[in-house]
Amino acid sequence: MSSKVRVRFAPSPTGPLHIGGLRTALFNYLFAKKHNGEFVLRIEDTDQNRFVEGAEAYIIDALNWCGITVDEGPTVPGSFGPYRQSERKHLYKNYALQLIDEGKAYYAFDTPETLDHHRKDHEAKGKTFIYNWHNREKLANSISLSADDVQARLEGNEPYVIRFKTEPDKILQLSDQIRGEIKIDTNILDDKILFKSDGMPTYHLANIVDDHLMEITHVIRGEEWLPSLALHQMLYDAFGWTAPKFAHLPLIMKPVGKGKLSKRDGEKGGFPVFPLSWNESIGYREAGYFPEAVVNFLALLGWNPGTEQEFFSMEELISEFGLDRVNKSGARFDPDKTKWYNHQYLLQRDNQKLAKSFSKLLENKSNAEKNQDLAFLTQVISLIKERADFVSDFWELGHYFFETPTHYNEKAVKKQWKENTADLMQKVAEIITSIQDFNSGNIEDQIKNWITHNELPFGKIMAPLRLLIVGDLKGPHLFDIIELIGKDESLNRIERGISALA
């Protein structure tokens, strides 16, 4: 076993990577980097029936997008490859045969029909069928059959599996870095299948052999693998290998109700559960989330830094992360909190960078010349970003910077547009025309001085003026908008509005 910390993230390429899997990858990565160790990506593709084209590339893209750098993997060769189990299948049979030779595993020839009959028979009697010490001597395997019979069946290419021979009447003392000590009575365990006659190992054997050969020191995986811990520990003991340290992460739970977060929850709640889009399902990247925000909220799903700090860069997470602060109980997913995180990261982001992202979204919108002016976009964003969660919100929040209003909020018109409003707006237009130094502060001073001098209510001028400039009673500081759209456009909007509302 390596003295250097080595962890692995070992997904199956059976579809898109769920954010629960992404969090497992993140926790492995943080742990490895905290201890100056190595983060290995291994693709567990032994189940060819469930293999999905494009899933491996998706997993790698998702890790890259989040800044989770792979030290060794299918695209980053190292000394412990290959890193796809399908390319390692020649390794596993010898280990299965070793266990048979040492009496720690056995051939089983039971047909699916026979096993199904036993299951149904047990169910009818209110029992559960478990293939183990209790009944293995009565079933078709190399424990109950003669050596000659076993040899004849093997030579006749009769389908078989190799099962692990669990020793009865033992109490296993298991250790988990998050959950502490666990005791398991071996009498309740079944003799799990390790290898099949088609030449493919099951997850359990391949997983143990690969972790050993790749010198993995810590196995950090989801809680759903906790029931496999007993078998995995027994396999390490059977081979005489030092087991890695195990840590089982808590589930990510639904926002409401019981059970773990699923794709259906995302569809129902209108939020992503995948890092990147996959077929019809939108991902966090395509929904407009920043990878830093995704990493930040995922890190705090099940891990507690022990302080009030909520914002962490990847470097800070690496520095602070430890398995001792990972919770045992499930972490409830909060879609509103994920948006809040993105909002905070958007506020911190440089306006010019945001403007570049926004300009791509504006390519199909009107007023193309203005849309491509980076300085103009940067100023617009500085005025509206406070209200945005995503770059895609900028258009809804600030479309009036680019388009002259053609419609006016009806409720606002009824409330604000009085008999003499048009005359007052003409006066405002005259003031705007006369202003030489056209900046927000100067425009505001001149118009407000005129309002005060004529002893007019501020609301009588400001609300209708906003209505003509914006088309509604919303938006940032009115005089900032007027400065930014310019004198000619401001006057154009006032004239058009007066005509439209006359």
Protein backbone atom coordinates (compact mmCIF):
# COMPACT_ATOMS: atom_id res chain seq x y z
CA MET A 1 0.00 0.00 0.00
CA SER A 2 1.30 3.39 -1.00
CA SER A 3 2.35 5.76 1.78
CA LYS A 4 1.12 8.59 -0.44
CA VAL A 5 -2.62 9.32 -0.29
CA ARG A 6 -4.30 7.94 -3.41
CA VAL A 7 -8.05 8.16 -3.93
CA ARG A 8 -10.21 7.20 -6.87
CA PHE A 9 -13.51 8.27 -8.34
CA ALA A 10 -14.92 5.23 -10.11
CA PRO A 11 -18.19 5.98 -11.94
CA SER A 12 -19.97 3.64 -14.35
CA PRO A 13 -20.61 5.10 -17.83
CA THR A 14 -24.31 4.24 -17.74
CA GLY A 15 -25.62 7.78 -18.27
CA PRO A 16 -25.00 11.36 -17.11
CA LEU A 17 -23.17 12.08 -13.87
CA HIS A 18 -25.66 13.04 -11.15
CA ILE A 19 -24.61 15.87 -8.84
CA GLY A 20 -24.40 13.26 -6.05
CA GLY A 21 -21.66 11.58 -8.07
CA LEU A 22 -20.06 14.94 -8.76
CA ARG A 23 -19.97 15.64 -5.01
CA THR A 24 -18.29 12.24 -4.43
CA ALA A 25 -15.65 13.21 -7.00
CA LEU A 26 -15.23 16.62 -5.34
CA PHE A 27 -14.77 15.17 -1.83
CA ASN A 28 -12.23 12.67 -3.14
CA TYR A 29 -10.38 15.45 -4.94
CA LEU A 30 -10.37 17.77 -1.90
CA PHE A 31 -9.13 14.98 0.35
CA ALA A 32 -6.34 14.01 -2.07
CA LYS A 33 -5.13 17.58 -2.56
CA LYS A 34 -5.33 18.36 1.16
CA HIS A 35 -2.86 15.51 1.75
CA ASN A 36 -0.71 16.21 -1.34
CA GLY A 37 -2.06 13.00 -2.81
CA GLU A 38 -3.34 11.80 -6.16
CA PHE A 39 -6.86 11.78 -7.57
CA VAL A 40 -7.51 8.87 -9.94
CA LEU A 41 -10.43 8.54 -12.36
CA ARG A 42 -11.33 4.91 -13.11
CA ILE A 43 -14.19 4.05 -15.44
CA GLU A 44 -16.04 0.95 -14.20
CA ASP A 45 -17.52 -0.33 -17.45
CA THR A 46 -17.67 -4.07 -16.79
CA ASP A 47 -21.46 -4.06 -17.24
CA GLN A 48 -21.53 -3.75 -21.03
CA ASN A 49 -25.34 -4.15 -21.14
CA ARG A 50 -25.75 -0.80 -19.37
CA PHE A 51 -22.94 1.01 -21.18
CA VAL A 52 -24.10 4.34 -22.71
CA GLU A 53 -22.21 5.94 -25.58
CA GLY A 54 -20.86 9.37 -24.63
CA ALA A 55 -21.21 8.88 -20.88
CA GLU A 56 -17.45 8.60 -20.24
CA ALA A 57 -16.74 11.82 -22.16
CA TYR A 58 -19.57 13.50 -20.22
CA ILE A 59 -18.00 12.49 -16.87
CA ILE A 60 -14.60 13.88 -17.91
CA ASP A 61 -16.15 17.12 -19.24
CA ALA A 62 -18.13 17.59 -16.00
CA LEU A 63 -15.00 17.17 -13.83
CA ASN A 64 -13.03 19.57 -16.05
CA TRP A 65 -15.82 22.17 -15.95
CA CYS A 66 -15.74 22.11 -12.14
CA GLY A 67 -11.95 22.37 -11.97
CA ILE A 68 -11.60 18.85 -10.52
CA THR A 69 -8.27 17.93 -12.08
CA VAL A 70 -7.56 14.24 -12.69
CA ASP A 71 -4.01 13.10 -11.89
CA GLU A 72 -4.45 9.69 -13.54
CA GLY A 73 -7.24 8.38 -15.72
CA PRO A 74 -8.27 7.29 -19.22
CA THR A 75 -7.08 10.58 -20.72
CA VAL A 76 -4.16 11.10 -18.28
CA PRO A 77 -2.13 7.88 -18.35
CA GLY A 78 -0.13 7.00 -15.24
CA SER A 79 1.79 4.03 -13.84
CA PHE A 80 -1.32 2.12 -12.72
CA GLY A 81 -3.32 1.88 -15.97
CA PRO A 82 -5.28 1.03 -17.90
CA TYR A 83 -8.04 3.05 -16.26
CA ARG A 84 -11.08 1.42 -17.86
CA GLN A 85 -12.14 -1.85 -16.27
CA SER A 86 -13.08 -3.29 -19.67
CA GLU A 87 -9.38 -2.98 -20.61
CA ARG A 88 -8.35 -4.78 -17.40
CA LYS A 89 -10.67 -7.81 -17.62
CA HIS A 90 -7.76 -10.19 -18.26
CA LEU A 91 -6.63 -9.51 -14.67
CA TYR A 92 -9.64 -10.63 -12.68
CA LYS A 93 -10.08 -14.35 -13.43
CA ASN A 94 -6.79 -15.35 -11.85
CA TYR A 95 -7.77 -13.65 -8.60
CA ALA A 96 -11.12 -15.46 -8.59
CA LEU A 97 -9.34 -18.79 -9.25
CA GLN A 98 -6.87 -18.04 -6.45
CA LEU A 99 -9.78 -17.80 -4.01
CA ILE A 100 -11.17 -21.11 -5.30
CA ASP A 101 -7.78 -22.81 -4.90
CA GLU A 102 -7.60 -21.54 -1.31
CA GLY A 103 -11.14 -22.69 -0.50
CA LYS A 104 -12.39 -19.11 -0.10
CA ALA A 105 -14.70 -19.18 -3.12
CA TYR A 106 -16.55 -21.83 -5.13
CA TYR A 107 -18.12 -22.55 -8.50
CA ALA A 108 -21.93 -22.40 -8.58
CA PHE A 109 -23.89 -23.90 -11.49
CA ASP A 110 -27.43 -23.09 -10.33
CA THR A 111 -29.63 -21.97 -13.21
CA PRO A 112 -31.63 -18.71 -12.96
CA GLU A 113 -34.81 -20.87 -13.01
CA THR A 114 -33.63 -22.93 -10.00
CA LEU A 115 -32.75 -19.82 -8.01
CA ASP A 116 -36.07 -18.21 -8.93
CA HIS A 117 -37.90 -21.35 -7.74
CA HIS A 118 -36.06 -21.18 -4.38
CA ARG A 119 -36.88 -17.48 -3.98
CA LYS A 120 -40.58 -18.00 -4.66
CA ASP A 121 -40.69 -21.04 -2.38
CA HIS A 122 -39.16 -19.03 0.46
CA GLU A 123 -41.51 -16.10 -0.17
CA ALA A 124 -44.53 -18.44 0.03
CA LYS A 125 -43.29 -19.50 3.48
CA GLY A 126 -42.74 -15.88 4.55
CA LYS A 127 -38.95 -16.21 4.37
CA THR A 128 -36.16 -14.60 2.34
CA PHE A 129 -33.90 -16.79 0.21
CA ILE A 130 -30.21 -16.09 0.88
CA TYR A 131 -27.52 -18.14 -0.90
CA ASN A 132 -25.03 -18.79 1.92
CA TRP A 133 -23.71 -21.23 4.56
CA HIS A 134 -27.30 -22.14 5.45
CA ASN A 135 -28.14 -23.84 2.15
CA ARG A 136 -25.09 -23.89 -0.14
CA GLU A 137 -24.42 -27.60 0.50
CA LYS A 138 -27.87 -28.42 -0.95
CA LEU A 139 -27.39 -26.37 -4.15
CA ALA A 140 -25.49 -27.04 -7.39
CA ASN A 141 -21.96 -25.89 -6.58
CA SER A 142 -18.44 -27.15 -6.05
CA ILE A 143 -19.09 -27.54 -2.31
CA SER A 144 -21.94 -30.04 -2.79
CA LEU A 145 -20.78 -31.68 -6.05
CA SER A 146 -17.88 -34.09 -6.50
CA ALA A 147 -14.63 -32.82 -7.98
CA ASP A 148 -15.19 -34.98 -11.09
CA ASP A 149 -18.70 -33.58 -11.58
CA VAL A 150 -17.38 -30.00 -11.26
CA GLN A 151 -14.59 -30.72 -13.77
CA ALA A 152 -17.03 -32.27 -16.24
CA ARG A 153 -19.36 -29.26 -16.02
CA LEU A 154 -16.47 -26.83 -16.55
CA GLU A 155 -15.13 -28.82 -19.52
CA GLY A 156 -18.67 -28.95 -20.95
CA ASN A 157 -18.80 -25.13 -20.82
CA GLU A 158 -21.77 -25.19 -18.50
CA PRO A 159 -22.54 -21.61 -17.36
CA TYR A 160 -21.29 -20.89 -13.87
CA VAL A 161 -20.54 -18.13 -11.43
CA ILE A 162 -17.84 -17.95 -8.78
CA ARG A 163 -19.27 -17.09 -5.37
CA PHE A 164 -17.39 -15.87 -2.31
CA LYS A 165 -17.53 -18.38 0.56
CA THR A 166 -18.58 -16.33 3.57
CA GLU A 167 -17.50 -17.87 6.86
CA PRO A 168 -20.43 -18.23 9.29
CA ASP A 169 -20.50 -17.42 13.03
CA LYS A 170 -18.14 -14.46 12.87
CA ILE A 171 -18.58 -10.88 13.96
CA LEU A 172 -16.84 -8.53 11.54
CA GLN A 173 -15.37 -5.37 13.03
CA LEU A 174 -15.58 -2.75 10.29
CA SER A 175 -14.31 0.81 10.44
CA ASP A 176 -15.65 3.83 8.60
CA GLN A 177 -13.97 7.25 8.71
CA ILE A 178 -17.35 9.00 8.93
CA ARG A 179 -19.57 6.49 10.76
CA GLY A 180 -17.08 4.98 13.16
CA GLU A 181 -17.06 1.30 14.13
CA ILE A 182 -19.61 -1.09 12.60
CA LYS A 183 -20.23 -4.71 13.63
CA ILE A 184 -21.69 -7.25 11.18
CA ASP A 185 -22.75 -10.84 11.88
CA THR A 186 -21.52 -12.96 8.93
CA ASN A 187 -24.47 -15.35 9.36
CA ILE A 188 -26.75 -12.78 7.70
CA LEU A 189 -24.51 -12.24 4.64
CA ASP A 190 -25.02 -13.97 1.30
CA ASP A 191 -22.28 -15.55 -0.79
CA LYS A 192 -21.91 -12.80 -3.38
CA ILE A 193 -21.06 -13.53 -7.01
CA LEU A 194 -17.51 -12.44 -7.88
CA PHE A 195 -17.07 -13.73 -11.42
CA LYS A 196 -19.16 -15.07 -14.31
CA SER A 197 -18.36 -17.65 -16.96
CA ASP A 198 -18.58 -14.97 -19.68
CA GLY A 199 -15.19 -13.79 -18.43
CA MET A 200 -16.45 -10.66 -16.68
CA PRO A 201 -16.04 -9.96 -12.97
CA THR A 202 -18.80 -8.42 -10.89
CA TYR A 203 -18.32 -4.95 -9.43
CA HIS A 204 -17.17 -6.38 -6.10
CA LEU A 205 -14.18 -8.38 -7.36
CA ALA A 206 -13.06 -5.85 -9.99
CA ASN A 207 -13.36 -3.02 -7.51
CA ILE A 208 -11.22 -4.69 -4.85
CA VAL A 209 -8.57 -5.93 -7.27
CA ASP A 210 -8.28 -2.53 -8.98
CA ASP A 211 -8.12 -0.60 -5.71
CA HIS A 212 -5.35 -2.94 -4.53
CA LEU A 213 -3.34 -2.83 -7.78
CA MET A 214 -3.74 0.95 -8.05
CA GLU A 215 -2.57 1.32 -4.44
CA ILE A 216 -5.69 3.23 -3.39
CA THR A 217 -5.30 4.30 0.26
CA HIS A 218 -8.78 5.75 0.89
CA VAL A 219 -12.11 4.73 -0.63
CA ILE A 220 -14.51 7.67 -0.32
CA ARG A 221 -17.86 6.75 -1.85
CA GLY A 222 -21.62 7.14 -1.47
CA GLU A 223 -23.65 5.72 1.39
CA GLU A 224 -25.34 3.29 -1.02
CA TRP A 225 -22.11 1.23 -0.96
CA LEU A 226 -22.18 0.79 2.83
CA PRO A 227 -23.92 -2.65 2.59
CA SER A 228 -20.98 -3.85 0.43
CA LEU A 229 -18.37 -2.90 3.03
CA ALA A 230 -18.50 -6.28 4.80
CA LEU A 231 -17.85 -8.23 1.60
CA HIS A 232 -15.09 -5.85 0.51
CA GLN A 233 -13.34 -6.14 3.87
CA MET A 234 -13.64 -9.96 3.73
CA LEU A 235 -12.14 -9.97 0.24
CA TYR A 236 -9.16 -7.92 1.40
CA ASP A 237 -8.70 -10.35 4.29
CA ALA A 238 -9.07 -13.37 1.96
CA PHE A 239 -6.32 -12.07 -0.34
CA GLY A 240 -4.13 -11.07 2.60
CA TRP A 241 -4.09 -7.45 1.44
CA THR A 242 -4.19 -4.31 3.56
CA ALA A 243 -7.58 -2.69 3.05
CA PRO A 244 -7.81 1.03 2.31
CA LYS A 245 -9.60 3.26 4.78
CA PHE A 246 -13.30 3.56 3.94
CA ALA A 247 -15.57 6.60 4.18
CA HIS A 248 -19.24 6.52 3.11
CA LEU A 249 -20.70 9.93 2.27
CA PRO A 250 -24.28 10.86 3.24
CA LEU A 251 -26.97 10.92 0.58
CA ILE A 252 -28.18 14.15 -1.01
CA MET A 253 -31.86 14.25 -0.08
CA LYS A 254 -34.90 15.64 -1.92
CA PRO A 255 -35.79 19.30 -1.23
CA VAL A 256 -39.15 18.14 0.19
CA GLY A 257 -40.19 14.76 1.55
CA LYS A 258 -38.16 11.59 2.03
CA GLY A 259 -35.65 9.85 -0.17
CA LYS A 260 -32.61 10.82 -2.19
CA LEU A 261 -32.55 13.52 -4.84
CA SER A 262 -33.57 12.21 -8.26
CA LYS A 263 -33.88 13.39 -11.84
CA ARG A 264 -37.66 13.52 -11.33
CA ASP A 265 -37.26 16.00 -8.43
CA GLY A 266 -35.35 18.30 -10.78
CA GLU A 267 -37.98 17.99 -13.52
CA LYS A 268 -40.79 18.68 -11.03
CA GLY A 269 -38.98 21.55 -9.27
CA GLY A 270 -37.45 23.11 -12.37
CA PHE A 271 -33.82 22.83 -11.27
CA PRO A 272 -30.85 20.83 -12.64
CA VAL A 273 -29.57 17.62 -11.07
CA PHE A 274 -26.76 17.10 -13.61
CA PRO A 275 -23.62 19.24 -13.98
CA LEU A 276 -23.99 19.43 -17.80
CA SER A 277 -27.00 18.98 -20.05
CA TRP A 278 -27.82 15.45 -21.18
CA ASN A 279 -30.50 14.81 -23.81
CA GLU A 280 -33.62 16.61 -22.55
CA SER A 281 -32.21 17.35 -19.09
CA ILE A 282 -30.58 20.75 -18.65
CA GLY A 283 -27.35 20.91 -16.68
CA TYR A 284 -25.97 23.48 -14.25
CA ARG A 285 -23.57 24.81 -16.88
CA GLU A 286 -26.32 25.37 -19.47
CA ALA A 287 -28.67 26.81 -16.83
CA GLY A 288 -26.12 29.58 -16.32
CA TYR A 289 -24.43 28.53 -13.09
CA PHE A 290 -20.79 29.35 -12.51
CA PRO A 291 -18.67 26.26 -11.82
CA GLU A 292 -17.27 27.93 -8.68
CA ALA A 293 -20.82 28.33 -7.32
CA VAL A 294 -21.63 24.67 -8.03
CA VAL A 295 -18.42 23.52 -6.32
CA ASN A 296 -19.14 25.78 -3.34
CA PHE A 297 -22.71 24.63 -2.69
CA LEU A 298 -21.82 20.96 -3.34
CA ALA A 299 -18.98 21.10 -0.81
CA LEU A 300 -21.41 22.25 1.87
CA LEU A 301 -23.88 19.46 1.11
CA GLY A 302 -22.84 17.02 3.80
CA TRP A 303 -19.65 18.75 4.96
CA ASN A 304 -19.51 21.41 7.65
CA PRO A 305 -16.43 23.64 7.94
CA GLY A 306 -17.16 24.22 11.64
CA THR A 307 -17.35 28.00 11.11
CA GLU A 308 -19.89 30.49 9.75
CA GLN A 309 -17.96 30.80 6.48
CA GLU A 310 -20.17 30.14 3.42
CA PHE A 311 -17.92 31.11 0.52
CA PHE A 312 -14.89 29.03 -0.38
CA SER A 313 -12.55 29.06 -3.32
CA MET A 314 -11.25 25.63 -4.39
CA GLU A 315 -7.95 26.45 -2.63
CA GLU A 316 -9.80 27.26 0.62
CA LEU A 317 -11.85 24.07 0.38
CA ILE A 318 -8.68 22.01 -0.07
CA SER A 319 -7.16 23.72 2.96
CA GLU A 320 -10.22 23.27 5.20
CA PHE A 321 -11.66 19.93 4.07
CA GLY A 322 -11.58 16.89 6.33
CA LEU A 323 -13.62 13.69 6.63
CA ASP A 324 -14.05 14.39 10.36
CA ARG A 325 -16.55 17.13 9.49
CA VAL A 326 -18.60 15.13 7.00
CA ASN A 327 -22.08 14.46 8.39
CA LYS A 328 -23.52 10.99 8.88
CA SER A 329 -27.09 11.99 8.03
CA GLY A 330 -28.37 12.97 4.59
CA ALA A 331 -27.96 16.52 3.32
CA ARG A 332 -31.16 18.19 2.09
CA PHE A 333 -30.83 19.80 -1.32
CA ASP A 334 -32.08 23.40 -1.47
CA PRO A 335 -32.61 24.76 -5.03
CA ASP A 336 -33.08 28.33 -3.74
CA LYS A 337 -29.74 28.17 -1.93
CA THR A 338 -27.98 27.04 -5.12
CA LYS A 339 -29.42 30.11 -6.92
CA TRP A 340 -28.37 32.31 -4.02
CA TYR A 341 -24.82 31.02 -4.34
CA ASN A 342 -24.81 31.79 -8.05
CA HIS A 343 -26.13 35.30 -7.33
CA GLN A 344 -23.28 35.92 -4.88
CA TYR A 345 -20.67 34.71 -7.38
CA LEU A 346 -22.25 36.87 -10.09
CA LEU A 347 -21.96 39.94 -7.85
CA GLN A 348 -18.25 39.24 -7.32
CA ARG A 349 -17.55 38.68 -11.01
CA ASP A 350 -15.84 41.35 -13.09
CA ASN A 351 -18.44 43.37 -15.06
CA GLN A 352 -16.44 43.24 -18.25
CA LYS A 353 -16.27 39.43 -18.10
CA LEU A 354 -20.02 39.34 -17.54
CA ALA A 355 -20.47 41.74 -20.48
CA LYS A 356 -18.57 39.35 -22.77
CA SER A 357 -20.84 36.47 -21.71
CA PHE A 358 -23.92 38.65 -22.10
CA SER A 359 -22.91 39.81 -25.58
CA LYS A 360 -23.15 36.18 -26.80
CA LEU A 361 -26.75 36.05 -25.61
CA LEU A 362 -27.50 39.33 -27.39
CA GLU A 363 -26.39 38.20 -30.83
CA ASN A 364 -29.97 37.47 -31.93
CA LYS A 365 -31.48 40.53 -30.30
CA SER A 366 -32.21 43.87 -31.94
CA ASN A 367 -29.89 46.89 -31.99
CA ALA A 368 -26.88 44.73 -32.79
CA GLU A 369 -24.38 47.61 -32.98
CA LYS A 370 -25.05 48.69 -29.40
CA ASN A 371 -25.11 45.04 -28.25
CA GLN A 372 -21.51 44.58 -29.31
CA ASP A 373 -20.20 47.71 -27.54
CA LEU A 374 -18.37 46.18 -24.57
CA ALA A 375 -18.06 49.46 -22.67
CA PHE A 376 -21.82 50.07 -23.00
CA LEU A 377 -22.66 46.47 -21.91
CA THR A 378 -20.28 46.74 -18.95
CA GLN A 379 -22.04 49.90 -17.76
CA VAL A 380 -25.49 48.31 -18.19
CA ILE A 381 -24.41 45.30 -16.14
CA SER A 382 -23.02 47.49 -13.37
CA LEU A 383 -26.54 48.95 -12.98
CA ILE A 384 -28.61 45.71 -13.09
CA LYS A 385 -26.41 42.87 -11.79
CA GLU A 386 -27.61 43.40 -8.19
CA ARG A 387 -30.98 41.90 -9.17
CA ALA A 388 -29.66 39.04 -11.32
CA ASP A 389 -28.98 35.41 -10.43
CA PHE A 390 -27.72 34.46 -13.91
CA VAL A 391 -26.22 36.17 -16.94
CA SER A 392 -29.41 35.14 -18.77
CA ASP A 393 -31.40 37.39 -16.39
CA PHE A 394 -29.71 40.51 -17.77
CA TRP A 395 -31.99 40.79 -20.80
CA GLU A 396 -35.18 40.62 -18.74
CA LEU A 397 -33.74 43.11 -16.26
CA GLY A 398 -32.33 45.55 -18.80
CA HIS A 399 -33.90 45.06 -22.25
CA TYR A 400 -34.97 48.75 -22.21
CA PHE A 401 -31.31 49.79 -22.50
CA PHE A 402 -31.37 48.28 -25.99
CA GLU A 403 -34.97 48.73 -27.14
CA THR A 404 -37.24 51.78 -27.22
CA PRO A 405 -40.44 50.90 -25.32
CA THR A 406 -43.45 50.23 -27.54
CA HIS A 407 -45.74 49.12 -24.71
CA TYR A 408 -46.33 50.76 -21.36
CA ASN A 409 -47.43 49.06 -18.16
CA GLU A 410 -51.20 49.57 -18.14
CA LYS A 411 -51.61 49.74 -14.36
CA ALA A 412 -48.81 52.29 -14.13
CA VAL A 413 -50.31 54.38 -16.95
CA LYS A 414 -53.73 54.46 -15.24
CA LYS A 415 -52.14 55.52 -11.98
CA GLN A 416 -49.47 57.96 -13.20
CA TRP A 417 -50.68 59.53 -16.45
CA LYS A 418 -52.89 62.54 -15.58
CA GLU A 419 -54.43 65.33 -17.67
CA ASN A 420 -51.41 67.64 -17.53
CA THR A 421 -48.68 64.91 -17.51
CA ALA A 422 -47.94 65.31 -21.23
CA ASP A 423 -47.27 69.06 -20.77
CA LEU A 424 -45.00 68.38 -17.79
CA MET A 425 -43.06 65.75 -19.79
CA GLN A 426 -42.58 68.29 -22.62
CA LYS A 427 -41.01 70.65 -20.08
CA VAL A 428 -38.70 67.83 -18.90
CA ALA A 429 -37.73 67.22 -22.55
CA GLU A 430 -36.78 70.90 -22.89
CA ILE A 431 -34.55 70.67 -19.80
CA ILE A 432 -32.85 67.52 -21.15
CA THR A 433 -32.30 69.26 -24.52
CA SER A 434 -30.57 72.19 -22.83
CA ILE A 435 -28.13 70.10 -20.76
CA GLN A 436 -24.56 70.33 -22.09
CA ASP A 437 -22.66 68.09 -19.66
CA PHE A 438 -24.86 65.01 -20.09
CA ASN A 439 -24.10 62.86 -17.05
CA SER A 440 -26.41 61.27 -14.48
CA GLY A 441 -25.63 63.65 -11.62
CA ASN A 442 -26.05 66.78 -13.75
CA ILE A 443 -29.31 65.55 -15.34
CA GLU A 444 -30.70 64.71 -11.90
CA ASP A 445 -29.74 68.12 -10.44
CA GLN A 446 -31.29 70.09 -13.29
CA ILE A 447 -34.58 68.18 -13.34
CA LYS A 448 -34.94 68.11 -9.55
CA ASN A 449 -34.13 71.84 -9.30
CA TRP A 450 -36.88 72.55 -11.83
CA ILE A 451 -39.35 70.34 -9.85
CA THR A 452 -38.49 72.15 -6.60
CA HIS A 453 -38.60 75.61 -8.19
CA ASN A 454 -42.10 74.91 -9.55
CA GLU A 455 -43.25 73.35 -6.26
CA LEU A 456 -44.32 70.14 -7.99
CA PRO A 457 -44.63 66.76 -6.24
CA PHE A 458 -41.60 64.62 -7.18
CA GLY A 459 -43.82 61.60 -7.85
CA LYS A 460 -45.79 63.59 -10.42
CA ILE A 461 -42.66 63.91 -12.58
CA MET A 462 -40.39 60.99 -11.72
CA ALA A 463 -42.88 58.12 -12.15
CA PRO A 464 -44.24 59.25 -15.58
CA LEU A 465 -40.70 60.01 -16.76
CA ARG A 466 -39.56 56.50 -15.80
CA LEU A 467 -42.62 55.11 -17.58
CA LEU A 468 -41.64 56.87 -20.83
CA ILE A 469 -37.96 55.90 -20.60
CA VAL A 470 -38.40 52.26 -19.46
CA GLY A 471 -42.02 51.37 -20.31
CA ASP A 472 -42.58 50.40 -16.69
CA LEU A 473 -41.92 51.59 -13.15
CA LYS A 474 -38.87 49.35 -12.70
CA GLY A 475 -35.14 49.46 -13.22
CA PRO A 476 -32.09 51.04 -11.58
CA HIS A 477 -31.51 54.75 -10.91
CA LEU A 478 -33.48 56.62 -13.60
CA PHE A 479 -30.83 59.23 -14.36
CA ASP A 480 -28.18 56.51 -14.82
CA ILE A 481 -30.46 54.98 -17.48
CA ILE A 482 -30.95 58.35 -19.18
CA GLU A 483 -27.20 59.01 -19.27
CA LEU A 484 -26.48 55.59 -20.68
CA ILE A 485 -29.07 55.59 -23.47
CA GLY A 486 -28.01 59.14 -24.35
CA LYS A 487 -29.72 62.50 -24.94
CA ASP A 488 -31.17 61.75 -28.40
CA GLU A 489 -32.67 58.41 -27.39
CA SER A 490 -34.06 59.85 -24.13
CA LEU A 491 -35.81 62.66 -26.04
CA ASN A 492 -37.03 60.16 -28.65
CA ARG A 493 -38.60 58.01 -25.91
CA ILE A 494 -40.27 61.00 -24.25
CA GLU A 495 -41.79 62.17 -27.57
CA ARG A 496 -42.92 58.67 -28.58
CA GLY A 497 -44.41 58.03 -25.13
CA ILE A 498 -46.35 61.31 -25.10
CA SER A 499 -47.81 60.46 -28.52
CA ALA A 500 -48.63 56.87 -27.54
CA LEU A 501 -50.34 57.86 -24.28
CA ALA A 502 -52.13 60.97 -25.56
